[in-house]
Amino acid sequence: MSPPYAAIPGGARLAVRLTPRAHHDKVEGIAPDAQGRPVLLLKLTAPPVEGAANAALIAYVAKSLGLPKSAVVIAAGDTSRQKSLRIQAPDALERLERWLAVAAEGRA
């Protein structure tokens, strides 16, 4: 399966399917969405109320990539489980590749 991210000017776009109220924060893997496009499956402990899950998502992705929270923005899907994140960093693709490689080994 192709990766759930793509290059955009100044960084990368990452497709995510978020499951809030999980027992642990973790990457579940990559799977196709309803249209067959790859998405990153993420589980977070934060509840989906008052933006808590979105804030936790931004913090988790930023920390995992070693970036400030300001470099990660929800570009689409604010109120949906399916989200598109914009990651603003010149080396965003390399950071995503490293993070997902580590996650696939079960260490993220």
PDB file of N, CA and C in Angstrom:
ATOM      1  N   MET A   1       0.847  -1.184   0.000  1.00  0.00           N
ATOM      2  CA  MET A   1       0.000   0.000   0.000  1.00  0.00           C
ATOM      3  C   MET A   1       0.884   1.237   0.000  1.00  0.00           C
ATOM      4  N   SER A   2       0.431   2.248  -0.712  1.00  0.00           N
ATOM      5  CA  SER A   2       1.178   3.499  -0.754  1.00  0.00           C
ATOM      6  C   SER A   2       1.077   4.214   0.591  1.00  0.00           C
ATOM      7  N   PRO A   3       1.970   5.157   0.847  1.00  0.00           N
ATOM      8  CA  PRO A   3       1.952   5.862   2.135  1.00  0.00           C
ATOM      9  C   PRO A   3       0.766   6.817   2.250  1.00  0.00           C
ATOM     10  N   PRO A   4       0.359   7.137   3.482  1.00  0.00           N
ATOM     11  CA  PRO A   4      -0.779   8.046   3.697  1.00  0.00           C
ATOM     12  C   PRO A   4      -0.390   9.517   3.663  1.00  0.00           C
ATOM     13  N   TYR A   5       0.765   9.824   3.105  1.00  0.00           N
ATOM     14  CA  TYR A   5       1.224  11.207   3.049  1.00  0.00           C
ATOM     15  C   TYR A   5       1.702  11.539   1.640  1.00  0.00           C
ATOM     16  N   ALA A   6       1.741  12.825   1.362  1.00  0.00           N
ATOM     17  CA  ALA A   6       2.193  13.315   0.059  1.00  0.00           C
ATOM     18  C   ALA A   6       2.868  14.666   0.249  1.00  0.00           C
ATOM     19  N   ALA A   7       3.750  14.978  -0.666  1.00  0.00           N
ATOM     20  CA  ALA A   7       4.444  16.267  -0.628  1.00  0.00           C
ATOM     21  C   ALA A   7       3.498  17.382  -1.052  1.00  0.00           C
ATOM     22  N   ILE A   8       3.606  18.491  -0.369  1.00  0.00           N
ATOM     23  CA  ILE A   8       2.924  19.733  -0.740  1.00  0.00           C
ATOM     24  C   ILE A   8       3.956  20.850  -0.599  1.00  0.00           C
ATOM     25  N   PRO A   9       3.720  22.007  -1.179  1.00  0.00           N
ATOM     26  CA  PRO A   9       4.687  23.097  -1.027  1.00  0.00           C
ATOM     27  C   PRO A   9       4.954  23.414   0.448  1.00  0.00           C
ATOM     28  N   GLY A  10       6.204  23.354   0.846  1.00  0.00           N
ATOM     29  CA  GLY A  10       6.597  23.686   2.214  1.00  0.00           C
ATOM     30  C   GLY A  10       6.448  22.574   3.228  1.00  0.00           C
ATOM     31  N   GLY A  11       6.060  21.356   2.786  1.00  0.00           N
ATOM     32  CA  GLY A  11       5.905  20.279   3.759  1.00  0.00           C
ATOM     33  C   GLY A  11       5.220  19.055   3.197  1.00  0.00           C
ATOM     34  N   ALA A  12       4.242  18.559   3.956  1.00  0.00           N
ATOM     35  CA  ALA A  12       3.544  17.327   3.565  1.00  0.00           C
ATOM     36  C   ALA A  12       2.110  17.362   4.052  1.00  0.00           C
ATOM     37  N   ARG A  13       1.276  16.551   3.394  1.00  0.00           N
ATOM     38  CA  ARG A  13      -0.107  16.342   3.820  1.00  0.00           C
ATOM     39  C   ARG A  13      -0.194  14.909   4.316  1.00  0.00           C
ATOM     40  N   LEU A  14      -0.847  14.704   5.453  1.00  0.00           N
ATOM     41  CA  LEU A  14      -0.988  13.383   6.061  1.00  0.00           C
ATOM     42  C   LEU A  14      -2.464  13.086   6.278  1.00  0.00           C
ATOM     43  N   ALA A  15      -2.923  11.952   5.755  1.00  0.00           N
ATOM     44  CA  ALA A  15      -4.307  11.523   5.943  1.00  0.00           C
ATOM     45  C   ALA A  15      -4.374  10.638   7.187  1.00  0.00           C
ATOM     46  N   VAL A  16      -5.301  10.945   8.101  1.00  0.00           N
ATOM     47  CA  VAL A  16      -5.409  10.250   9.380  1.00  0.00           C
ATOM     48  C   VAL A  16      -6.850   9.840   9.641  1.00  0.00           C
ATOM     49  N   ARG A  17      -7.025   8.652  10.189  1.00  0.00           N
ATOM     50  CA  ARG A  17      -8.330   8.245  10.744  1.00  0.00           C
ATOM     51  C   ARG A  17      -8.105   8.122  12.245  1.00  0.00           C
ATOM     52  N   LEU A  18      -8.741   8.989  13.002  1.00  0.00           N
ATOM     53  CA  LEU A  18      -8.532   9.098  14.441  1.00  0.00           C
ATOM     54  C   LEU A  18      -9.609   8.347  15.219  1.00  0.00           C
ATOM     55  N   THR A  19      -9.163   7.550  16.172  1.00  0.00           N
ATOM     56  CA  THR A  19     -10.077   6.895  17.106  1.00  0.00           C
ATOM     57  C   THR A  19      -9.805   7.488  18.489  1.00  0.00           C
ATOM     58  N   PRO A  20     -10.728   8.316  18.999  1.00  0.00           N
ATOM     59  CA  PRO A  20     -10.540   8.898  20.335  1.00  0.00           C
ATOM     60  C   PRO A  20     -10.962   7.910  21.421  1.00  0.00           C
ATOM     61  N   ARG A  21     -10.693   8.270  22.660  1.00  0.00           N
ATOM     62  CA  ARG A  21     -11.048   7.482  23.845  1.00  0.00           C
ATOM     63  C   ARG A  21     -10.479   6.061  23.805  1.00  0.00           C
ATOM     64  N   ALA A  22      -9.269   5.924  23.292  1.00  0.00           N
ATOM     65  CA  ALA A  22      -8.600   4.623  23.262  1.00  0.00           C
ATOM     66  C   ALA A  22      -7.911   4.390  24.614  1.00  0.00           C
ATOM     67  N   HIS A  23      -7.466   3.186  24.835  1.00  0.00           N
ATOM     68  CA  HIS A  23      -6.763   2.869  26.090  1.00  0.00           C
ATOM     69  C   HIS A  23      -5.338   3.419  26.088  1.00  0.00           C
ATOM     70  N   HIS A  24      -4.735   3.520  24.908  1.00  0.00           N
ATOM     71  CA  HIS A  24      -3.364   4.016  24.776  1.00  0.00           C
ATOM     72  C   HIS A  24      -3.249   4.853  23.508  1.00  0.00           C
ATOM     73  N   ASP A  25      -2.309   5.793  23.519  1.00  0.00           N
ATOM     74  CA  ASP A  25      -1.994   6.531  22.305  1.00  0.00           C
ATOM     75  C   ASP A  25      -1.085   5.648  21.470  1.00  0.00           C
ATOM     76  N   LYS A  26      -1.506   5.342  20.221  1.00  0.00           N
ATOM     77  CA  LYS A  26      -0.641   4.522  19.384  1.00  0.00           C
ATOM     78  C   LYS A  26      -1.057   4.561  17.923  1.00  0.00           C
ATOM     79  N   VAL A  27      -0.083   4.228  17.084  1.00  0.00           N
ATOM     80  CA  VAL A  27      -0.310   4.065  15.653  1.00  0.00           C
ATOM     81  C   VAL A  27      -0.760   2.630  15.446  1.00  0.00           C
ATOM     82  N   GLU A  28      -1.903   2.468  14.789  1.00  0.00           N
ATOM     83  CA  GLU A  28      -2.455   1.136  14.520  1.00  0.00           C
ATOM     84  C   GLU A  28      -1.984   0.582  13.190  1.00  0.00           C
ATOM     85  N   GLY A  29      -1.552   1.441  12.291  1.00  0.00           N
ATOM     86  CA  GLY A  29      -1.113   0.996  10.982  1.00  0.00           C
ATOM     87  C   GLY A  29      -1.654   1.891   9.890  1.00  0.00           C
ATOM     88  N   ILE A  30      -1.651   1.352   8.676  1.00  0.00           N
ATOM     89  CA  ILE A  30      -2.153   2.075   7.514  1.00  0.00           C
ATOM     90  C   ILE A  30      -3.210   1.196   6.860  1.00  0.00           C
ATOM     91  N   ALA A  31      -4.328   1.801   6.473  1.00  0.00           N
ATOM     92  CA  ALA A  31      -5.422   1.057   5.847  1.00  0.00           C
ATOM     93  C   ALA A  31      -6.087   1.955   4.804  1.00  0.00           C
ATOM     94  N   PRO A  32      -6.832   1.363   3.881  1.00  0.00           N
ATOM     95  CA  PRO A  32      -7.543   2.189   2.902  1.00  0.00           C
ATOM     96  C   PRO A  32      -8.799   2.801   3.516  1.00  0.00           C
ATOM     97  N   ASP A  33      -9.139   4.014   3.074  1.00  0.00           N
ATOM     98  CA  ASP A  33     -10.399   4.623   3.498  1.00  0.00           C
ATOM     99  C   ASP A  33     -11.512   4.126   2.584  1.00  0.00           C
ATOM    100  N   ALA A  34     -12.688   4.697   2.685  1.00  0.00           N
ATOM    101  CA  ALA A  34     -13.833   4.251   1.891  1.00  0.00           C
ATOM    102  C   ALA A  34     -13.603   4.416   0.386  1.00  0.00           C
ATOM    103  N   GLN A  35     -12.739   5.353   0.006  1.00  0.00           N
ATOM    104  CA  GLN A  35     -12.436   5.564  -1.408  1.00  0.00           C
ATOM    105  C   GLN A  35     -11.184   4.806  -1.854  1.00  0.00           C
ATOM    106  N   GLY A  36     -10.609   4.019  -0.956  1.00  0.00           N
ATOM    107  CA  GLY A  36      -9.431   3.236  -1.288  1.00  0.00           C
ATOM    108  C   GLY A  36      -8.105   3.948  -1.108  1.00  0.00           C
ATOM    109  N   ARG A  37      -8.138   5.180  -0.596  1.00  0.00           N
ATOM    110  CA  ARG A  37      -6.896   5.929  -0.358  1.00  0.00           C
ATOM    111  C   ARG A  37      -6.301   5.534   0.989  1.00  0.00           C
ATOM    112  N   PRO A  38      -4.973   5.485   1.095  1.00  0.00           N
ATOM    113  CA  PRO A  38      -4.351   5.097   2.360  1.00  0.00           C
ATOM    114  C   PRO A  38      -4.500   6.180   3.435  1.00  0.00           C
ATOM    115  N   VAL A  39      -4.795   5.741   4.651  1.00  0.00           N
ATOM    116  CA  VAL A  39      -4.867   6.643   5.807  1.00  0.00           C
ATOM    117  C   VAL A  39      -4.102   6.013   6.966  1.00  0.00           C
ATOM    118  N   LEU A  40      -3.524   6.861   7.794  1.00  0.00           N
ATOM    119  CA  LEU A  40      -2.848   6.417   9.004  1.00  0.00           C
ATOM    120  C   LEU A  40      -3.895   6.228  10.087  1.00  0.00           C
ATOM    121  N   LEU A  41      -3.937   5.047  10.679  1.00  0.00           N
ATOM    122  CA  LEU A  41      -4.877   4.761  11.760  1.00  0.00           C
ATOM    123  C   LEU A  41      -4.209   5.106  13.082  1.00  0.00           C
ATOM    124  N   LEU A  42      -4.784   6.066  13.800  1.00  0.00           N
ATOM    125  CA  LEU A  42      -4.238   6.528  15.078  1.00  0.00           C
ATOM    126  C   LEU A  42      -5.278   6.387  16.167  1.00  0.00           C
ATOM    127  N   LYS A  43      -4.846   5.903  17.324  1.00  0.00           N
ATOM    128  CA  LYS A  43      -5.716   5.845  18.491  1.00  0.00           C
ATOM    129  C   LYS A  43      -5.135   6.769  19.552  1.00  0.00           C
ATOM    130  N   LEU A  44      -5.996   7.601  20.143  1.00  0.00           N
ATOM    131  CA  LEU A  44      -5.579   8.521  21.192  1.00  0.00           C
ATOM    132  C   LEU A  44      -6.537   8.419  22.372  1.00  0.00           C
ATOM    133  N   THR A  45      -6.042   8.668  23.565  1.00  0.00           N
ATOM    134  CA  THR A  45      -6.866   8.562  24.768  1.00  0.00           C
ATOM    135  C   THR A  45      -7.803   9.749  24.950  1.00  0.00           C
ATOM    136  N   ALA A  46      -7.530  10.845  24.301  1.00  0.00           N
ATOM    137  CA  ALA A  46      -8.334  12.063  24.477  1.00  0.00           C
ATOM    138  C   ALA A  46      -9.773  11.848  24.000  1.00  0.00           C
ATOM    139  N   PRO A  47     -10.736  12.457  24.697  1.00  0.00           N
ATOM    140  CA  PRO A  47     -12.137  12.356  24.272  1.00  0.00           C
ATOM    141  C   PRO A  47     -12.431  13.329  23.124  1.00  0.00           C
ATOM    142  N   PRO A  48     -13.451  13.034  22.320  1.00  0.00           N
ATOM    143  CA  PRO A  48     -13.789  13.915  21.197  1.00  0.00           C
ATOM    144  C   PRO A  48     -14.725  15.052  21.601  1.00  0.00           C
ATOM    145  N   VAL A  49     -14.376  15.759  22.653  1.00  0.00           N
ATOM    146  CA  VAL A  49     -15.211  16.871  23.119  1.00  0.00           C
ATOM    147  C   VAL A  49     -14.387  18.150  23.202  1.00  0.00           C
ATOM    148  N   GLU A  50     -15.008  19.247  22.809  1.00  0.00           N
ATOM    149  CA  GLU A  50     -14.407  20.577  22.919  1.00  0.00           C
ATOM    150  C   GLU A  50     -12.999  20.660  22.333  1.00  0.00           C
ATOM    151  N   GLY A  51     -12.738  19.923  21.261  1.00  0.00           N
ATOM    152  CA  GLY A  51     -11.449  19.995  20.586  1.00  0.00           C
ATOM    153  C   GLY A  51     -10.319  19.243  21.256  1.00  0.00           C
ATOM    154  N   ALA A  52     -10.620  18.476  22.310  1.00  0.00           N
ATOM    155  CA  ALA A  52      -9.554  17.770  23.033  1.00  0.00           C
ATOM    156  C   ALA A  52      -8.846  16.742  22.153  1.00  0.00           C
ATOM    157  N   ALA A  53      -9.597  16.000  21.361  1.00  0.00           N
ATOM    158  CA  ALA A  53      -8.983  14.986  20.504  1.00  0.00           C
ATOM    159  C   ALA A  53      -8.142  15.646  19.410  1.00  0.00           C
ATOM    160  N   ASN A  54      -8.618  16.742  18.847  1.00  0.00           N
ATOM    161  CA  ASN A  54      -7.839  17.447  17.823  1.00  0.00           C
ATOM    162  C   ASN A  54      -6.541  17.997  18.410  1.00  0.00           C
ATOM    163  N   ALA A  55      -6.613  18.577  19.592  1.00  0.00           N
ATOM    164  CA  ALA A  55      -5.412  19.102  20.241  1.00  0.00           C
ATOM    165  C   ALA A  55      -4.436  17.972  20.547  1.00  0.00           C
ATOM    166  N   ALA A  56      -4.955  16.843  21.014  1.00  0.00           N
ATOM    167  CA  ALA A  56      -4.099  15.690  21.309  1.00  0.00           C
ATOM    168  C   ALA A  56      -3.470  15.138  20.034  1.00  0.00           C
ATOM    169  N   LEU A  57      -4.226  15.138  18.954  1.00  0.00           N
ATOM    170  CA  LEU A  57      -3.704  14.672  17.664  1.00  0.00           C
ATOM    171  C   LEU A  57      -2.545  15.545  17.216  1.00  0.00           C
ATOM    172  N   ILE A  58      -2.723  16.843  17.259  1.00  0.00           N
ATOM    173  CA  ILE A  58      -1.657  17.763  16.859  1.00  0.00           C
ATOM    174  C   ILE A  58      -0.425  17.564  17.734  1.00  0.00           C
ATOM    175  N   ALA A  59      -0.628  17.477  19.040  1.00  0.00           N
ATOM    176  CA  ALA A  59       0.497  17.295  19.960  1.00  0.00           C
ATOM    177  C   ALA A  59       1.212  15.966  19.706  1.00  0.00           C
ATOM    178  N   TYR A  60       0.458  14.892  19.497  1.00  0.00           N
ATOM    179  CA  TYR A  60       1.040  13.565  19.283  1.00  0.00           C
ATOM    180  C   TYR A  60       1.856  13.519  17.994  1.00  0.00           C
ATOM    181  N   VAL A  61       1.289  14.036  16.916  1.00  0.00           N
ATOM    182  CA  VAL A  61       1.995  14.013  15.627  1.00  0.00           C
ATOM    183  C   VAL A  61       3.231  14.906  15.692  1.00  0.00           C
ATOM    184  N   ALA A  62       3.098  16.102  16.256  1.00  0.00           N
ATOM    185  CA  ALA A  62       4.240  17.017  16.365  1.00  0.00           C
ATOM    186  C   ALA A  62       5.365  16.388  17.183  1.00  0.00           C
ATOM    187  N   LYS A  63       5.027  15.800  18.322  1.00  0.00           N
ATOM    188  CA  LYS A  63       6.049  15.171  19.168  1.00  0.00           C
ATOM    189  C   LYS A  63       6.685  13.991  18.442  1.00  0.00           C
ATOM    190  N   SER A  64       5.883  13.186  17.778  1.00  0.00           N
ATOM    191  CA  SER A  64       6.405  12.023  17.064  1.00  0.00           C
ATOM    192  C   SER A  64       7.358  12.418  15.943  1.00  0.00           C
ATOM    193  N   LEU A  65       7.109  13.562  15.334  1.00  0.00           N
ATOM    194  CA  LEU A  65       7.956  14.031  14.237  1.00  0.00           C
ATOM    195  C   LEU A  65       9.088  14.942  14.707  1.00  0.00           C
ATOM    196  N   GLY A  66       9.107  15.282  15.988  1.00  0.00           N
ATOM    197  CA  GLY A  66      10.143  16.173  16.508  1.00  0.00           C
ATOM    198  C   GLY A  66       9.969  17.604  16.021  1.00  0.00           C
ATOM    199  N   LEU A  67       8.718  18.035  15.895  1.00  0.00           N
ATOM    200  CA  LEU A  67       8.408  19.379  15.421  1.00  0.00           C
ATOM    201  C   LEU A  67       7.605  20.137  16.475  1.00  0.00           C
ATOM    202  N   PRO A  68       7.589  21.465  16.399  1.00  0.00           N
ATOM    203  CA  PRO A  68       6.708  22.222  17.296  1.00  0.00           C
ATOM    204  C   PRO A  68       5.250  22.012  16.882  1.00  0.00           C
ATOM    205  N   LYS A  69       4.334  22.141  17.836  1.00  0.00           N
ATOM    206  CA  LYS A  69       2.911  21.963  17.537  1.00  0.00           C
ATOM    207  C   LYS A  69       2.430  22.921  16.447  1.00  0.00           C
ATOM    208  N   SER A  70       3.043  24.073  16.359  1.00  0.00           N
ATOM    209  CA  SER A  70       2.637  25.053  15.355  1.00  0.00           C
ATOM    210  C   SER A  70       2.914  24.577  13.928  1.00  0.00           C
ATOM    211  N   ALA A  71       3.726  23.550  13.755  1.00  0.00           N
ATOM    212  CA  ALA A  71       4.049  23.023  12.423  1.00  0.00           C
ATOM    213  C   ALA A  71       3.011  22.026  11.924  1.00  0.00           C
ATOM    214  N   VAL A  72       2.063  21.629  12.791  1.00  0.00           N
ATOM    215  CA  VAL A  72       1.036  20.656  12.413  1.00  0.00           C
ATOM    216  C   VAL A  72      -0.327  21.335  12.506  1.00  0.00           C
ATOM    217  N   VAL A  73      -1.071  21.297  11.393  1.00  0.00           N
ATOM    218  CA  VAL A  73      -2.368  21.970  11.304  1.00  0.00           C
ATOM    219  C   VAL A  73      -3.392  21.001  10.728  1.00  0.00           C
ATOM    220  N   ILE A  74      -4.596  21.002  11.295  1.00  0.00           N
ATOM    221  CA  ILE A  74      -5.678  20.209  10.718  1.00  0.00           C
ATOM    222  C   ILE A  74      -6.222  21.009   9.536  1.00  0.00           C
ATOM    223  N   ALA A  75      -5.974  20.503   8.330  1.00  0.00           N
ATOM    224  CA  ALA A  75      -6.380  21.200   7.110  1.00  0.00           C
ATOM    225  C   ALA A  75      -7.817  20.880   6.734  1.00  0.00           C
ATOM    226  N   ALA A  76      -8.288  19.689   7.106  1.00  0.00           N
ATOM    227  CA  ALA A  76      -9.659  19.283   6.788  1.00  0.00           C
ATOM    228  C   ALA A  76     -10.090  18.217   7.780  1.00  0.00           C
ATOM    229  N   GLY A  77     -11.397  18.179   8.059  1.00  0.00           N
ATOM    230  CA  GLY A  77     -11.944  17.143   8.924  1.00  0.00           C
ATOM    231  C   GLY A  77     -11.970  17.485  10.395  1.00  0.00           C
ATOM    232  N   ASP A  78     -12.068  18.750  10.713  1.00  0.00           N
ATOM    233  CA  ASP A  78     -12.079  19.194  12.118  1.00  0.00           C
ATOM    234  C   ASP A  78     -13.041  18.404  12.998  1.00  0.00           C
ATOM    235  N   THR A  79     -14.223  18.114  12.504  1.00  0.00           N
ATOM    236  CA  THR A  79     -15.238  17.431  13.312  1.00  0.00           C
ATOM    237  C   THR A  79     -15.440  15.981  12.886  1.00  0.00           C
ATOM    238  N   SER A  80     -14.586  15.488  12.025  1.00  0.00           N
ATOM    239  CA  SER A  80     -14.692  14.126  11.517  1.00  0.00           C
ATOM    240  C   SER A  80     -13.584  13.252  12.092  1.00  0.00           C
ATOM    241  N   ARG A  81     -13.781  11.951  12.041  1.00  0.00           N
ATOM    242  CA  ARG A  81     -12.699  11.043  12.435  1.00  0.00           C
ATOM    243  C   ARG A  81     -11.618  11.004  11.366  1.00  0.00           C
ATOM    244  N   GLN A  82     -12.006  11.260  10.129  1.00  0.00           N
ATOM    245  CA  GLN A  82     -11.075  11.295   9.013  1.00  0.00           C
ATOM    246  C   GLN A  82     -10.547  12.717   8.882  1.00  0.00           C
ATOM    247  N   LYS A  83      -9.225  12.882   8.963  1.00  0.00           N
ATOM    248  CA  LYS A  83      -8.645  14.216   8.963  1.00  0.00           C
ATOM    249  C   LYS A  83      -7.486  14.302   7.968  1.00  0.00           C
ATOM    250  N   SER A  84      -7.249  15.498   7.505  1.00  0.00           N
ATOM    251  CA  SER A  84      -6.089  15.777   6.671  1.00  0.00           C
ATOM    252  C   SER A  84      -5.235  16.779   7.440  1.00  0.00           C
ATOM    253  N   LEU A  85      -3.993  16.404   7.699  1.00  0.00           N
ATOM    254  CA  LEU A  85      -3.077  17.283   8.421  1.00  0.00           C
ATOM    255  C   LEU A  85      -2.079  17.893   7.454  1.00  0.00           C
ATOM    256  N   ARG A  86      -1.750  19.144   7.680  1.00  0.00           N
ATOM    257  CA  ARG A  86      -0.685  19.810   6.932  1.00  0.00           C
ATOM    258  C   ARG A  86       0.497  19.927   7.873  1.00  0.00           C
ATOM    259  N   ILE A  87       1.625  19.387   7.441  1.00  0.00           N
ATOM    260  CA  ILE A  87       2.842  19.416   8.250  1.00  0.00           C
ATOM    261  C   ILE A  87       3.819  20.350   7.551  1.00  0.00           C
ATOM    262  N   GLN A  88       4.137  21.440   8.222  1.00  0.00           N
ATOM    263  CA  GLN A  88       4.981  22.458   7.635  1.00  0.00           C
ATOM    264  C   GLN A  88       6.412  22.310   8.128  1.00  0.00           C
ATOM    265  N   ALA A  89       7.225  21.650   7.293  1.00  0.00           N
ATOM    266  CA  ALA A  89       8.643  21.474   7.571  1.00  0.00           C
ATOM    267  C   ALA A  89       9.310  21.076   6.267  1.00  0.00           C
ATOM    268  N   PRO A  90      10.483  21.627   5.971  1.00  0.00           N
ATOM    269  CA  PRO A  90      11.142  21.297   4.713  1.00  0.00           C
ATOM    270  C   PRO A  90      11.448  19.807   4.579  1.00  0.00           C
ATOM    271  N   ASP A  91      11.675  19.142   5.687  1.00  0.00           N
ATOM    272  CA  ASP A  91      12.013  17.708   5.664  1.00  0.00           C
ATOM    273  C   ASP A  91      10.853  16.843   6.173  1.00  0.00           C
ATOM    274  N   ALA A  92       9.633  17.302   5.988  1.00  0.00           N
ATOM    275  CA  ALA A  92       8.458  16.598   6.516  1.00  0.00           C
ATOM    276  C   ALA A  92       8.342  15.174   5.978  1.00  0.00           C
ATOM    277  N   LEU A  93       8.605  14.962   4.703  1.00  0.00           N
ATOM    278  CA  LEU A  93       8.492  13.614   4.137  1.00  0.00           C
ATOM    279  C   LEU A  93       9.476  12.648   4.788  1.00  0.00           C
ATOM    280  N   GLU A  94      10.713  13.095   4.986  1.00  0.00           N
ATOM    281  CA  GLU A  94      11.712  12.236   5.629  1.00  0.00           C
ATOM    282  C   GLU A  94      11.316  11.928   7.074  1.00  0.00           C
ATOM    283  N   ARG A  95      10.803  12.925   7.788  1.00  0.00           N
ATOM    284  CA  ARG A  95      10.365  12.709   9.175  1.00  0.00           C
ATOM    285  C   ARG A  95       9.206  11.716   9.228  1.00  0.00           C
ATOM    286  N   LEU A  96       8.252  11.841   8.304  1.00  0.00           N
ATOM    287  CA  LEU A  96       7.118  10.912   8.259  1.00  0.00           C
ATOM    288  C   LEU A  96       7.586   9.492   7.954  1.00  0.00           C
ATOM    289  N   GLU A  97       8.491   9.343   7.001  1.00  0.00           N
ATOM    290  CA  GLU A  97       9.018   8.018   6.666  1.00  0.00           C
ATOM    291  C   GLU A  97       9.675   7.361   7.873  1.00  0.00           C
ATOM    292  N   ARG A  98      10.516   8.117   8.583  1.00  0.00           N
ATOM    293  CA  ARG A  98      11.199   7.565   9.775  1.00  0.00           C
ATOM    294  C   ARG A  98      10.192   7.191  10.860  1.00  0.00           C
ATOM    295  N   TRP A  99       9.242   8.079  11.140  1.00  0.00           N
ATOM    296  CA  TRP A  99       8.254   7.827  12.192  1.00  0.00           C
ATOM    297  C   TRP A  99       7.439   6.581  11.885  1.00  0.00           C
ATOM    298  N   LEU A 100       6.950   6.471  10.663  1.00  0.00           N
ATOM    299  CA  LEU A 100       6.104   5.334  10.324  1.00  0.00           C
ATOM    300  C   LEU A 100       6.894   4.034  10.236  1.00  0.00           C
ATOM    301  N   ALA A 101       8.164   4.111   9.901  1.00  0.00           N
ATOM    302  CA  ALA A 101       9.009   2.920   9.914  1.00  0.00           C
ATOM    303  C   ALA A 101       9.179   2.413  11.346  1.00  0.00           C
ATOM    304  N   VAL A 102       9.403   3.328  12.277  1.00  0.00           N
ATOM    305  CA  VAL A 102       9.523   2.964  13.696  1.00  0.00           C
ATOM    306  C   VAL A 102       8.194   2.440  14.218  1.00  0.00           C
ATOM    307  N   ALA A 103       7.113   3.091  13.830  1.00  0.00           N
ATOM    308  CA  ALA A 103       5.768   2.641  14.276  1.00  0.00           C
ATOM    309  C   ALA A 103       5.469   1.252  13.759  1.00  0.00           C
ATOM    310  N   ALA A 104       5.881   0.943  12.530  1.00  0.00           N
ATOM    311  CA  ALA A 104       5.632  -0.382  11.964  1.00  0.00           C
ATOM    312  C   ALA A 104       6.392  -1.460  12.734  1.00  0.00           C
ATOM    313  N   GLU A 105       7.502  -1.079  13.339  1.00  0.00           N
ATOM    314  CA  GLU A 105       8.267  -2.031  14.146  1.00  0.00           C
ATOM    315  C   GLU A 105       7.691  -2.159  15.567  1.00  0.00           C
ATOM    316  N   GLY A 106       6.679  -1.355  15.860  1.00  0.00           N
ATOM    317  CA  GLY A 106       6.038  -1.419  17.162  1.00  0.00           C
ATOM    318  C   GLY A 106       6.699  -0.622  18.261  1.00  0.00           C
ATOM    319  N   ARG A 107       7.521   0.357  17.882  1.00  0.00           N
ATOM    320  CA  ARG A 107       8.234   1.152  18.894  1.00  0.00           C
ATOM    321  C   ARG A 107       7.723   2.571  19.027  1.00  0.00           C
ATOM    322  N   ALA A 108       6.633   2.933  18.346  1.00  0.00           N
ATOM    323  CA  ALA A 108       6.138   4.310  18.442  1.00  0.00           C
ATOM    324  C   ALA A 108       4.785   4.360  19.087  1.00  0.00           C
TER     325      ALA A 108
END
